[in-house]
């Protein structure tokens, strides 16, 4: 199963923790299963059209990924959110 790691800023929306083991052959399959466990995350990661939000970066095995990216059984999926301010 893929290891999914979420940033601490999403902790309030991730009631079951910031680390998850999830099966799926593509990033969207993994995310859909993650959202089944953690429904509040969907609005933080995807926009109304189902695309990855502009301020969210998702990496599969260290490479920035789109929703159709392949995810292996031992892949690491990392979610990052941009931080801004002044």
N, C-alpha and C. Protein backbone atom coordinates (compact mmCIF):
# COMPACT_ATOMS: atom_id res chain seq x y z
N UNK A 1 0.83 -1.19 0.00
CA UNK A 1 0.00 0.00 0.00
C UNK A 1 0.87 1.25 0.00
N UNK A 2 0.40 2.27 -0.65
CA UNK A 2 1.12 3.54 -0.70
C UNK A 2 1.04 4.23 0.66
N UNK A 3 2.11 4.93 0.99
CA UNK A 3 2.15 5.73 2.22
C UNK A 3 1.79 7.17 1.85
N UNK A 4 0.72 7.69 2.44
CA UNK A 4 0.29 9.06 2.18
C UNK A 4 0.63 9.90 3.41
N UNK A 5 1.33 11.00 3.18
CA UNK A 5 1.74 11.89 4.26
C UNK A 5 1.17 13.28 4.01
N UNK A 6 0.50 13.80 5.02
CA UNK A 6 -0.15 15.11 4.93
C UNK A 6 0.60 16.13 5.78
N UNK A 7 0.55 17.41 5.41
CA UNK A 7 1.21 18.44 6.21
C UNK A 7 0.42 18.73 7.50
N UNK A 8 1.14 19.19 8.49
CA UNK A 8 0.53 19.48 9.80
C UNK A 8 -0.61 20.51 9.69
N UNK A 9 -0.54 21.41 8.72
CA UNK A 9 -1.59 22.42 8.56
C UNK A 9 -2.95 21.77 8.29
N UNK A 10 -2.97 20.55 7.80
CA UNK A 10 -4.23 19.85 7.54
C UNK A 10 -4.69 18.98 8.70
N UNK A 11 -3.98 19.04 9.80
CA UNK A 11 -4.33 18.21 10.95
C UNK A 11 -5.78 18.38 11.42
N UNK A 12 -6.33 19.60 11.45
CA UNK A 12 -7.73 19.73 11.88
C UNK A 12 -8.73 18.99 10.96
N UNK A 13 -8.39 18.83 9.68
CA UNK A 13 -9.27 18.15 8.74
C UNK A 13 -9.00 16.65 8.65
N UNK A 14 -7.88 16.23 9.22
CA UNK A 14 -7.46 14.82 9.14
C UNK A 14 -7.63 14.17 10.51
N UNK A 15 -8.84 13.81 10.84
CA UNK A 15 -9.16 13.28 12.17
C UNK A 15 -8.45 11.97 12.49
N UNK A 16 -8.09 11.22 11.45
CA UNK A 16 -7.45 9.92 11.66
C UNK A 16 -5.93 9.99 11.51
N UNK A 17 -5.38 11.19 11.53
CA UNK A 17 -3.93 11.34 11.49
C UNK A 17 -3.40 11.86 10.18
N UNK A 18 -2.11 12.14 10.17
CA UNK A 18 -1.45 12.72 9.02
C UNK A 18 -0.74 11.68 8.15
N UNK A 19 -0.77 10.42 8.57
CA UNK A 19 -0.15 9.34 7.79
C UNK A 19 -1.20 8.26 7.56
N UNK A 20 -1.27 7.83 6.30
CA UNK A 20 -2.26 6.81 5.93
C UNK A 20 -1.61 5.80 4.98
N UNK A 21 -2.01 4.56 5.06
CA UNK A 21 -1.64 3.54 4.09
C UNK A 21 -2.88 3.28 3.24
N UNK A 22 -2.74 3.49 1.92
CA UNK A 22 -3.90 3.42 1.04
C UNK A 22 -3.51 2.72 -0.26
N UNK A 23 -4.41 1.87 -0.75
CA UNK A 23 -4.21 1.20 -2.03
C UNK A 23 -4.76 2.06 -3.16
N UNK A 24 -4.18 1.91 -4.33
CA UNK A 24 -4.66 2.59 -5.52
C UNK A 24 -3.59 2.59 -6.58
N UNK A 25 -4.00 2.49 -7.82
CA UNK A 25 -3.05 2.45 -8.93
C UNK A 25 -2.71 3.81 -9.50
N UNK A 26 -3.57 4.81 -9.23
CA UNK A 26 -3.31 6.18 -9.66
C UNK A 26 -3.52 7.11 -8.48
N UNK A 27 -3.03 8.32 -8.63
CA UNK A 27 -3.17 9.29 -7.55
C UNK A 27 -4.64 9.57 -7.24
N UNK A 28 -5.48 9.68 -8.25
CA UNK A 28 -6.89 9.97 -7.98
C UNK A 28 -7.55 8.81 -7.23
N UNK A 29 -7.16 7.58 -7.52
CA UNK A 29 -7.71 6.44 -6.77
C UNK A 29 -7.29 6.50 -5.31
N UNK A 30 -6.04 6.84 -5.08
CA UNK A 30 -5.54 6.97 -3.70
C UNK A 30 -6.28 8.09 -2.99
N UNK A 31 -6.42 9.24 -3.65
CA UNK A 31 -7.10 10.37 -3.03
C UNK A 31 -8.56 10.05 -2.74
N UNK A 32 -9.24 9.40 -3.68
CA UNK A 32 -10.64 9.05 -3.44
C UNK A 32 -10.78 8.16 -2.20
N UNK A 33 -9.88 7.24 -2.02
CA UNK A 33 -9.92 6.37 -0.84
C UNK A 33 -9.56 7.15 0.42
N UNK A 34 -8.63 8.11 0.28
CA UNK A 34 -8.29 8.97 1.42
C UNK A 34 -9.51 9.80 1.82
N UNK A 35 -10.23 10.35 0.83
CA UNK A 35 -11.40 11.17 1.12
C UNK A 35 -12.52 10.35 1.75
N UNK A 36 -12.58 9.06 1.44
CA UNK A 36 -13.58 8.20 2.08
C UNK A 36 -13.29 8.09 3.58
N UNK A 37 -12.01 8.11 3.96
CA UNK A 37 -11.61 8.06 5.37
C UNK A 37 -11.67 9.43 6.02
N UNK A 38 -11.29 10.44 5.25
CA UNK A 38 -11.14 11.81 5.75
C UNK A 38 -11.89 12.78 4.84
N UNK A 39 -13.22 12.79 4.89
CA UNK A 39 -14.01 13.60 3.96
C UNK A 39 -13.67 15.09 3.97
N UNK A 40 -13.28 15.63 5.09
CA UNK A 40 -13.00 17.07 5.18
C UNK A 40 -11.77 17.47 4.37
N UNK A 41 -10.92 16.53 4.00
CA UNK A 41 -9.72 16.86 3.23
C UNK A 41 -10.02 17.23 1.78
N UNK A 42 -11.09 16.71 1.23
CA UNK A 42 -11.35 16.90 -0.20
C UNK A 42 -11.37 18.38 -0.59
N UNK A 43 -12.08 19.20 0.15
CA UNK A 43 -12.16 20.62 -0.16
C UNK A 43 -10.84 21.35 0.00
N UNK A 44 -9.95 20.81 0.79
CA UNK A 44 -8.63 21.42 0.97
C UNK A 44 -7.69 21.08 -0.19
N UNK A 45 -7.88 19.90 -0.80
CA UNK A 45 -6.94 19.44 -1.82
C UNK A 45 -7.45 19.61 -3.25
N UNK A 46 -8.76 19.47 -3.45
CA UNK A 46 -9.32 19.57 -4.80
C UNK A 46 -10.28 20.74 -4.90
N UNK A 47 -10.33 21.35 -6.08
CA UNK A 47 -11.27 22.44 -6.29
C UNK A 47 -12.64 21.89 -6.70
N UNK A 48 -13.56 22.78 -7.04
CA UNK A 48 -14.93 22.39 -7.37
C UNK A 48 -15.02 21.56 -8.65
N UNK A 49 -14.02 21.64 -9.52
CA UNK A 49 -14.00 20.85 -10.74
C UNK A 49 -13.28 19.51 -10.56
N UNK A 50 -12.78 19.26 -9.36
CA UNK A 50 -12.08 18.01 -9.09
C UNK A 50 -10.61 18.03 -9.45
N UNK A 51 -10.05 19.21 -9.68
CA UNK A 51 -8.62 19.37 -9.98
C UNK A 51 -7.87 19.69 -8.70
N UNK A 52 -6.58 19.40 -8.70
CA UNK A 52 -5.74 19.76 -7.56
C UNK A 52 -5.72 21.28 -7.44
N UNK A 53 -5.97 21.79 -6.24
CA UNK A 53 -5.96 23.24 -6.03
C UNK A 53 -4.59 23.83 -6.37
N UNK A 54 -4.60 25.10 -6.79
CA UNK A 54 -3.36 25.76 -7.22
C UNK A 54 -2.32 25.84 -6.12
N UNK A 55 -2.74 25.98 -4.88
CA UNK A 55 -1.79 26.13 -3.79
C UNK A 55 -1.38 24.79 -3.17
N UNK A 56 -1.80 23.68 -3.79
CA UNK A 56 -1.47 22.35 -3.29
C UNK A 56 -0.52 21.66 -4.27
N UNK A 57 0.53 21.08 -3.73
CA UNK A 57 1.46 20.27 -4.52
C UNK A 57 1.39 18.85 -3.99
N UNK A 58 1.33 17.89 -4.89
CA UNK A 58 1.32 16.49 -4.48
C UNK A 58 2.44 15.79 -5.23
N UNK A 59 3.25 15.06 -4.49
CA UNK A 59 4.40 14.35 -5.04
C UNK A 59 4.21 12.85 -4.85
N UNK A 60 4.54 12.09 -5.88
CA UNK A 60 4.57 10.63 -5.78
C UNK A 60 6.02 10.23 -5.97
N UNK A 61 6.57 9.62 -4.96
CA UNK A 61 7.98 9.18 -4.99
C UNK A 61 8.92 10.32 -5.38
N UNK A 62 8.64 11.52 -4.85
CA UNK A 62 9.53 12.66 -5.05
C UNK A 62 9.30 13.46 -6.32
N UNK A 63 8.35 13.05 -7.16
CA UNK A 63 8.07 13.75 -8.41
C UNK A 63 6.69 14.38 -8.33
N UNK A 64 6.60 15.66 -8.71
CA UNK A 64 5.30 16.32 -8.69
C UNK A 64 4.34 15.55 -9.60
N UNK A 65 3.14 15.31 -9.11
CA UNK A 65 2.22 14.42 -9.80
C UNK A 65 0.90 15.10 -10.15
N UNK A 66 0.29 14.62 -11.23
CA UNK A 66 -1.08 15.00 -11.55
C UNK A 66 -1.98 13.85 -11.11
N UNK A 67 -3.28 14.01 -11.28
CA UNK A 67 -4.22 13.02 -10.76
C UNK A 67 -4.11 11.66 -11.44
N UNK A 68 -3.56 11.61 -12.63
CA UNK A 68 -3.43 10.34 -13.35
C UNK A 68 -2.08 9.66 -13.12
N UNK A 69 -1.24 10.23 -12.27
CA UNK A 69 0.08 9.66 -12.01
C UNK A 69 -0.06 8.26 -11.41
N UNK A 70 0.83 7.39 -11.85
CA UNK A 70 0.84 6.02 -11.33
C UNK A 70 1.34 6.01 -9.89
N UNK A 71 0.72 5.17 -9.08
CA UNK A 71 1.11 4.99 -7.69
C UNK A 71 1.36 3.50 -7.48
N UNK A 72 2.55 3.17 -7.02
CA UNK A 72 2.89 1.77 -6.78
C UNK A 72 2.55 1.33 -5.37
N UNK A 73 2.68 0.05 -5.13
CA UNK A 73 2.33 -0.50 -3.82
C UNK A 73 3.27 -0.02 -2.72
N UNK A 74 4.47 0.41 -3.09
CA UNK A 74 5.40 0.92 -2.08
C UNK A 74 5.70 2.41 -2.28
N UNK A 75 4.82 3.10 -2.99
CA UNK A 75 5.04 4.53 -3.26
C UNK A 75 4.80 5.37 -2.02
N UNK A 76 5.45 6.54 -2.02
CA UNK A 76 5.20 7.54 -1.01
C UNK A 76 4.52 8.73 -1.67
N UNK A 77 3.36 9.10 -1.16
CA UNK A 77 2.60 10.26 -1.66
C UNK A 77 2.69 11.34 -0.61
N UNK A 78 3.23 12.49 -0.98
CA UNK A 78 3.36 13.62 -0.05
C UNK A 78 2.54 14.79 -0.56
N UNK A 79 1.76 15.36 0.36
CA UNK A 79 0.96 16.54 0.05
C UNK A 79 1.60 17.74 0.72
N UNK A 80 1.78 18.81 -0.05
CA UNK A 80 2.33 20.06 0.47
C UNK A 80 1.37 21.19 0.14
N UNK A 81 1.23 22.13 1.03
CA UNK A 81 0.43 23.32 0.77
C UNK A 81 1.32 24.53 0.85
N UNK A 82 1.13 25.46 -0.08
CA UNK A 82 1.91 26.68 -0.09
C UNK A 82 1.57 27.51 1.14
N UNK A 83 2.57 28.18 1.65
CA UNK A 83 2.39 29.07 2.78
C UNK A 83 2.80 30.46 2.31
N UNK A 84 1.95 31.43 2.57
CA UNK A 84 2.29 32.80 2.17
C UNK A 84 2.04 33.73 3.34
N UNK A 85 2.52 34.89 3.19
CA UNK A 85 2.34 35.86 4.25
C UNK A 85 3.43 36.91 4.17
N UNK A 86 3.44 37.78 5.10
CA UNK A 86 4.44 38.83 5.01
C UNK A 86 4.82 39.35 6.35
